[in-house]
Amino acid sequence: MTSGLPRHIAAIMDGNGRWAKKKGAARIFGHKNAIKAVREVTEGCAELGVEFLTLYAFSTENWGRPIEEVSGLMELLVLTIKKELKTLLNNNVRLTTIGSFQSLPKKCQSELMEAMEMTKDNTGLTLILALSYSGRWEITEAVKQIAKEVQHGDLMASNINEELIGQYLQTRDIPDPELLIRTSGELRISNFLLWQIAYTEIYITSKLWPDFRREDLYEAIQAFQSRERRFGRISEQVNS
């Protein structure tokens, strides 16, 4: 069975540092050159009619990287949001984020809030930046909120189920991704959307993220469309 266009695509944008190292440059050089890939994938998804695109931009673990790299990434984030805002508006893209928003530098928070406000009425692709995010962090925060409500008597423990847990996640209003793209050939999910990707199709490419282009996005979608998605059933059940 051939599936149609995925409503939600997620991407682990890996390989920026290795791309820079191959060119004898500092790691931040790779992050700067990754912006074109972000633009191409965003525009490609918008043109195709994909509804949601989630990009793993900065994990909670990334705070442990060298301070100069983290500082450079935060500065780059601010500059990129300013520079790409016109592109988002021209492509009818709505910007939003998931992650520990308050842990970001105040300047980043300000730029993000302004961009989200300016694009909030756009009706095309929703671009979700995962910033200071990790799957375990998200689930832990959800458990804390649920436990607090049980403790206060606002929720019965017997009423906790998968659907309810989903309502406490950062992605509560977003469908689970059908396709996860990972660049650089690494075979792991790096603590990304752990709850949401239970039945996501994973596409691995050896290309480093700064080299990823619209044509690579199309290849990933074509690979997704060729797969049979059974969700625990057998082929005969799916095809009937």
Protein backbone atom coordinates (compact mmCIF):
# COMPACT_ATOMS: atom_id res chain seq x y z
CA MET A 1 0.00 0.00 0.00
CA THR A 2 1.31 3.45 -0.90
CA SER A 3 0.78 6.21 1.64
CA GLY A 4 0.05 9.79 0.69
CA LEU A 5 1.78 12.99 1.69
CA PRO A 6 2.71 13.02 5.39
CA ARG A 7 0.85 15.68 7.39
CA HIS A 8 3.78 16.09 9.77
CA ILE A 9 7.49 15.72 9.01
CA ALA A 10 10.16 15.94 11.71
CA ALA A 11 13.90 16.31 11.13
CA ILE A 12 17.01 15.75 13.22
CA MET A 13 19.38 18.23 11.58
CA ASP A 14 22.66 16.42 12.23
CA GLY A 15 26.16 16.89 10.84
CA ASN A 16 26.79 20.63 10.99
CA GLY A 17 29.97 20.25 13.05
CA ARG A 18 31.35 17.45 10.88
CA TRP A 19 30.57 19.47 7.75
CA ALA A 20 32.61 22.37 9.12
CA LYS A 21 35.44 20.09 10.24
CA LYS A 22 35.74 18.65 6.74
CA LYS A 23 36.31 22.19 5.51
CA GLY A 24 38.82 22.98 8.24
CA ALA A 25 36.51 25.52 9.87
CA ALA A 26 35.03 26.07 13.33
CA ARG A 27 31.81 24.23 14.19
CA ILE A 28 29.75 27.45 14.12
CA PHE A 29 30.60 27.72 10.40
CA GLY A 30 28.62 24.52 9.87
CA HIS A 31 25.65 25.89 11.80
CA LYS A 32 25.67 29.05 9.67
CA ASN A 33 25.67 27.02 6.47
CA ALA A 34 22.79 24.89 7.78
CA ILE A 35 20.37 27.78 7.34
CA LYS A 36 20.03 27.19 3.60
CA ALA A 37 18.93 23.62 4.27
CA VAL A 38 16.33 24.88 6.74
CA ARG A 39 15.02 27.34 4.17
CA GLU A 40 14.88 24.73 1.38
CA VAL A 41 13.09 22.14 3.50
CA THR A 42 10.64 24.69 4.89
CA GLU A 43 9.79 26.08 1.46
CA GLY A 44 9.59 22.56 0.01
CA CYS A 45 7.14 21.42 2.70
CA ALA A 46 5.07 24.60 2.28
CA GLU A 47 4.83 24.14 -1.49
CA LEU A 48 3.86 20.46 -1.21
CA GLY A 49 1.14 21.12 1.33
CA VAL A 50 2.75 19.46 4.36
CA GLU A 51 0.90 20.79 7.41
CA PHE A 52 3.60 20.53 10.10
CA LEU A 53 7.41 20.53 10.08
CA THR A 54 9.34 20.07 13.34
CA LEU A 55 13.07 20.80 13.33
CA TYR A 56 15.29 19.63 16.19
CA ALA A 57 17.30 22.83 16.52
CA PHE A 58 18.76 22.65 20.04
CA SER A 59 18.43 19.90 22.65
CA THR A 60 18.58 20.19 26.42
CA GLU A 61 21.83 18.23 26.21
CA ASN A 62 23.33 20.79 23.82
CA TRP A 63 23.71 23.22 26.73
CA GLY A 64 26.70 21.07 27.73
CA ARG A 65 28.64 21.95 24.57
CA PRO A 66 31.56 24.43 24.67
CA ILE A 67 30.33 27.86 25.75
CA GLU A 68 31.60 29.55 22.60
CA GLU A 69 29.55 27.20 20.42
CA VAL A 70 26.39 27.64 22.51
CA SER A 71 26.77 31.43 22.50
CA GLY A 72 27.34 31.40 18.77
CA LEU A 73 24.26 29.25 18.22
CA MET A 74 22.06 31.58 20.27
CA GLU A 75 23.35 34.63 18.38
CA LEU A 76 22.80 32.80 15.09
CA LEU A 77 19.26 31.92 16.13
CA VAL A 78 18.41 35.59 16.73
CA LEU A 79 19.92 36.70 13.42
CA THR A 80 18.25 33.87 11.49
CA ILE A 81 14.79 34.64 12.85
CA LYS A 82 15.16 38.28 11.82
CA LYS A 83 16.47 37.39 8.38
CA GLU A 84 13.99 34.61 7.59
CA LEU A 85 10.83 36.29 8.88
CA LYS A 86 10.03 37.69 5.43
CA THR A 87 10.42 34.20 3.92
CA LEU A 88 7.99 32.79 6.50
CA LEU A 89 5.44 35.49 5.72
CA ASN A 90 5.82 35.09 1.95
CA ASN A 91 5.26 31.33 2.26
CA ASN A 92 2.27 31.64 4.63
CA VAL A 93 4.23 29.77 7.33
CA ARG A 94 3.27 29.94 11.00
CA LEU A 95 6.16 29.71 13.47
CA THR A 96 5.93 28.10 16.89
CA THR A 97 8.25 26.32 19.33
CA ILE A 98 8.43 23.39 21.73
CA GLY A 99 10.92 23.08 24.56
CA SER A 100 11.99 24.91 27.69
CA PHE A 101 11.33 28.41 26.32
CA GLN A 102 12.29 30.17 29.56
CA SER A 103 15.80 28.66 29.50
CA LEU A 104 16.65 30.50 26.28
CA PRO A 105 18.45 33.87 26.44
CA LYS A 106 16.05 36.82 26.78
CA LYS A 107 17.01 38.13 23.33
CA CYS A 108 16.10 34.80 21.74
CA GLN A 109 12.81 34.72 23.61
CA SER A 110 12.00 38.24 22.43
CA GLU A 111 12.78 37.55 18.76
CA LEU A 112 10.86 34.27 18.82
CA MET A 113 7.81 35.84 20.43
CA GLU A 114 7.79 38.65 17.88
CA ALA A 115 8.10 36.22 14.96
CA MET A 116 5.38 33.95 16.36
CA GLU A 117 3.08 36.92 16.84
CA MET A 118 3.67 38.18 13.29
CA THR A 119 3.02 34.75 11.74
CA LYS A 120 0.22 33.53 14.01
CA ASP A 121 -2.52 34.13 11.42
CA ASN A 122 -0.71 32.31 8.59
CA THR A 123 -2.70 29.30 7.41
CA GLY A 124 -0.10 27.21 5.58
CA LEU A 125 2.72 25.14 7.02
CA THR A 126 3.29 25.26 10.79
CA LEU A 127 7.05 25.33 11.43
CA ILE A 128 7.91 24.04 14.92
CA LEU A 129 11.39 24.73 16.29
CA ALA A 130 12.41 22.31 19.05
CA LEU A 131 14.63 24.52 21.23
CA SER A 132 16.09 23.47 24.57
CA TYR A 133 13.99 20.36 24.04
CA SER A 134 14.34 16.65 24.70
CA GLY A 135 11.81 13.85 24.74
CA ARG A 136 12.61 12.73 28.28
CA TRP A 137 12.38 16.33 29.54
CA GLU A 138 8.97 16.70 27.90
CA ILE A 139 7.60 13.46 29.36
CA THR A 140 9.00 14.30 32.80
CA GLU A 141 7.29 17.69 32.75
CA ALA A 142 4.02 16.04 31.70
CA VAL A 143 4.26 13.53 34.56
CA LYS A 144 4.88 16.35 37.03
CA GLN A 145 1.76 18.20 35.85
CA ILE A 146 -0.39 15.07 36.00
CA ALA A 147 0.91 14.17 39.47
CA LYS A 148 0.13 17.68 40.72
CA GLU A 149 -3.47 17.43 39.48
CA VAL A 150 -3.90 14.00 41.09
CA GLN A 151 -2.44 15.35 44.34
CA HIS A 152 -4.87 18.29 44.31
CA GLY A 153 -7.81 16.01 43.63
CA ASP A 154 -8.49 17.46 40.17
CA LEU A 155 -7.71 14.18 38.40
CA MET A 156 -8.32 10.53 39.24
CA ALA A 157 -5.31 8.26 38.71
CA SER A 158 -7.66 5.68 37.16
CA ASN A 159 -8.47 8.18 34.38
CA ILE A 160 -4.87 8.41 33.20
CA ASN A 161 -4.49 6.88 29.73
CA GLU A 162 -2.46 7.50 26.56
CA GLU A 163 -4.88 10.13 25.28
CA LEU A 164 -4.73 12.08 28.54
CA ILE A 165 -0.92 11.95 28.69
CA GLY A 166 -0.82 13.33 25.14
CA GLN A 167 -2.78 16.36 26.32
CA TYR A 168 0.02 17.26 28.74
CA LEU A 169 2.78 17.14 26.13
CA GLN A 170 4.16 20.17 24.33
CA THR A 171 2.72 18.81 21.08
CA ARG A 172 -0.83 18.49 22.43
CA ASP A 173 -2.33 20.31 19.43
CA ILE A 174 -0.01 18.77 16.83
CA PRO A 175 -0.46 15.36 15.14
CA ASP A 176 2.33 12.84 15.62
CA PRO A 177 4.94 12.94 12.83
CA GLU A 178 4.49 10.31 10.15
CA LEU A 179 8.02 10.78 8.80
CA LEU A 180 11.26 11.45 10.70
CA ILE A 181 14.30 12.42 8.65
CA ARG A 182 17.78 12.12 10.14
CA THR A 183 20.84 13.35 8.31
CA SER A 184 24.54 12.36 8.71
CA GLY A 185 23.85 8.61 8.73
CA GLU A 186 23.60 8.26 12.51
CA LEU A 187 21.25 5.46 13.59
CA ARG A 188 19.67 6.92 16.70
CA ILE A 189 16.83 9.28 17.61
CA SER A 190 18.78 11.40 20.12
CA ASN A 191 16.01 11.93 22.68
CA PHE A 192 13.68 13.53 20.11
CA LEU A 193 9.87 13.25 20.29
CA LEU A 194 10.11 9.95 22.17
CA TRP A 195 6.37 9.64 22.81
CA GLN A 196 5.26 10.95 19.43
CA ILE A 197 7.36 8.75 17.11
CA ALA A 198 5.97 5.40 18.31
CA TYR A 199 4.80 4.61 14.75
CA THR A 200 6.77 7.16 12.75
CA GLU A 201 8.58 6.04 9.61
CA ILE A 202 12.31 6.82 9.95
CA TYR A 203 14.41 7.88 6.97
CA ILE A 204 18.20 7.99 7.37
CA THR A 205 20.47 9.73 4.88
CA SER A 206 24.25 9.94 4.96
CA LYS A 207 24.15 13.56 3.79
CA LEU A 208 25.22 16.11 6.35
CA TRP A 209 22.52 18.67 7.13
CA PRO A 210 24.22 21.69 5.45
CA ASP A 211 24.13 19.72 2.16
CA PHE A 212 20.46 18.67 2.48
CA ARG A 213 18.26 20.20 -0.22
CA ARG A 214 14.70 20.15 -1.51
CA GLU A 215 15.46 17.17 -3.76
CA ASP A 216 16.58 15.21 -0.70
CA LEU A 217 13.29 16.06 1.00
CA TYR A 218 11.41 14.72 -2.03
CA GLU A 219 13.43 11.48 -1.89
CA ALA A 220 12.55 11.04 1.79
CA ILE A 221 8.86 11.57 1.07
CA GLN A 222 8.95 9.12 -1.84
CA ALA A 223 10.57 6.53 0.43
CA PHE A 224 7.80 7.14 2.98
CA GLN A 225 5.12 6.72 0.32
CA SER A 226 6.54 3.34 -0.70
CA ARG A 227 6.24 1.87 2.80
CA GLU A 228 3.36 -0.14 4.19
CA ARG A 229 2.20 1.32 7.51
CA ARG A 230 0.56 -1.50 9.50
CA PHE A 231 0.38 -0.12 13.07
CA GLY A 232 0.69 -3.64 14.52
CA ARG A 233 -1.67 -5.26 12.02
CA ILE A 234 -0.80 -7.61 9.14
CA SER A 235 -0.74 -6.70 5.45
CA GLU A 236 -4.01 -8.42 4.66
CA GLN A 237 -5.82 -6.34 7.28
CA VAL A 238 -4.31 -3.10 6.03
CA ASN A 239 -5.08 -3.80 2.40
CA SER A 240 -8.66 -4.85 3.10
